Every structure is written in structure tokens, then in C-alpha cells.
Protein backbone atom coordinates (compact mmCIF):
# COMPACT_ATOMS: atom_id res chain seq x y z
CA MET A 1 0.00 0.00 0.00
CA ASN A 2 2.88 2.34 0.83
CA GLY A 3 4.37 1.64 -2.63
CA LEU A 4 1.14 2.62 -4.36
CA TYR A 5 1.00 5.82 -2.35
CA SER A 6 4.58 6.66 -3.32
CA LEU A 7 3.89 5.92 -6.99
CA ALA A 8 0.74 8.06 -6.98
CA ARG A 9 2.61 10.90 -5.28
CA PHE A 10 5.49 10.65 -7.79
CA LEU A 11 3.10 10.72 -10.76
CA THR A 12 1.15 13.62 -9.29
CA TYR A 13 4.26 15.74 -8.70
CA SER A 14 5.65 14.87 -12.13
CA LEU A 15 2.43 15.81 -13.86
CA ALA A 16 2.05 19.01 -11.83
CA GLY A 17 5.65 20.01 -12.59
CA THR A 18 5.13 19.46 -16.31
CA VAL A 19 1.90 21.45 -16.32
CA VAL A 20 3.47 24.35 -14.42
CA ARG A 21 6.56 24.40 -16.66
CA LYS A 22 4.54 24.31 -19.89
CA GLY A 23 2.13 26.92 -18.55
CA TRP A 24 4.99 29.24 -17.62
CA ASN A 25 6.62 28.78 -21.02
CA TRP A 26 3.31 29.56 -22.70
CA LEU A 27 2.89 32.73 -20.65
CA THR A 28 6.39 34.05 -21.24
CA GLU A 29 6.79 32.92 -24.85
CA ASP A 30 5.00 35.75 -26.62
CA VAL A 31 6.10 38.70 -24.52
CA ASP A 32 6.98 41.74 -26.60
CA PRO A 33 10.57 42.93 -26.18
CA ILE A 34 11.29 46.25 -24.48
CA PRO A 35 11.69 49.13 -26.97
CA GLY A 36 15.29 50.26 -27.38
CA THR A 37 16.82 46.84 -26.89
CA GLU A 38 18.69 44.87 -29.54
CA GLU A 39 15.99 42.20 -29.58
CA PHE A 40 13.30 44.81 -30.21
CA ASP A 41 15.29 46.36 -33.06
CA SER A 42 15.87 43.03 -34.78
CA GLU A 43 12.22 42.03 -34.46
CA TYR A 44 11.09 45.46 -35.65
CA TYR A 45 13.26 45.30 -38.77
CA GLN A 46 12.11 41.75 -39.54
CA VAL A 47 8.47 42.82 -39.36
CA LYS A 48 9.17 45.97 -41.37
CA GLU A 49 10.93 43.98 -44.12
CA LYS A 50 8.08 41.48 -44.20
CA TYR A 51 5.55 44.31 -44.54
CA ILE A 52 7.52 45.89 -47.39
CA ARG A 53 7.94 42.53 -49.13
CA LEU A 54 4.24 41.68 -48.86
CA THR A 55 3.18 45.17 -49.98
CA LYS A 56 5.42 44.89 -53.04
CA LYS A 57 4.05 41.42 -53.79
CA LYS A 58 0.48 42.72 -53.49
CA GLU A 59 1.18 45.62 -55.84
CA GLU A 60 2.73 43.25 -58.40
CA TYR A 61 -0.30 40.97 -58.14
CA GLU A 62 -2.74 43.87 -58.56
CA ALA A 63 -0.80 45.13 -61.58
CA TYR A 64 -0.90 41.62 -63.04
CA ARG A 65 -4.65 41.37 -62.44
CA LYS A 66 -5.30 44.74 -64.11
CA SER A 67 -3.28 43.82 -67.19
CA ARG A 68 -5.32 40.67 -67.79
């Protein structure tokens, strides 16, 4: 009986630890970086380049659609 109690306790703590760790990772994963930091600058420029690229692609597509 003592062995079953120990096994149940071990499984409970293991499961609780996994849930807490994954929950914490989920909460802290998508935090925006602080403006003025290197991480913020790199993310800003990546988003800006993506916006410019997609805008250019959209304009090319619209020009293609109008010429048809």
C-alpha cells in the first residue's frame, strides 16, 4: 500500500511540474521585447521587411490582375 502511495505521489508531482513548466513557457513565450533593446530592433526590422515585401508582392499581383 505504501508503494502505491509513493507511486501516486510521484506521478502527481511529475504531472504538476510538467503542467506548471509548460504553462509558464506559454505565458512568457510571446512577450513583446522592451523598446530600445537589440531584440526589439531586430524584431522590428524583420516585421518591417516582411511588410515591405508583402506590400510589393500585393502591388505586383494587382498590376498583373489589371493587365489581364
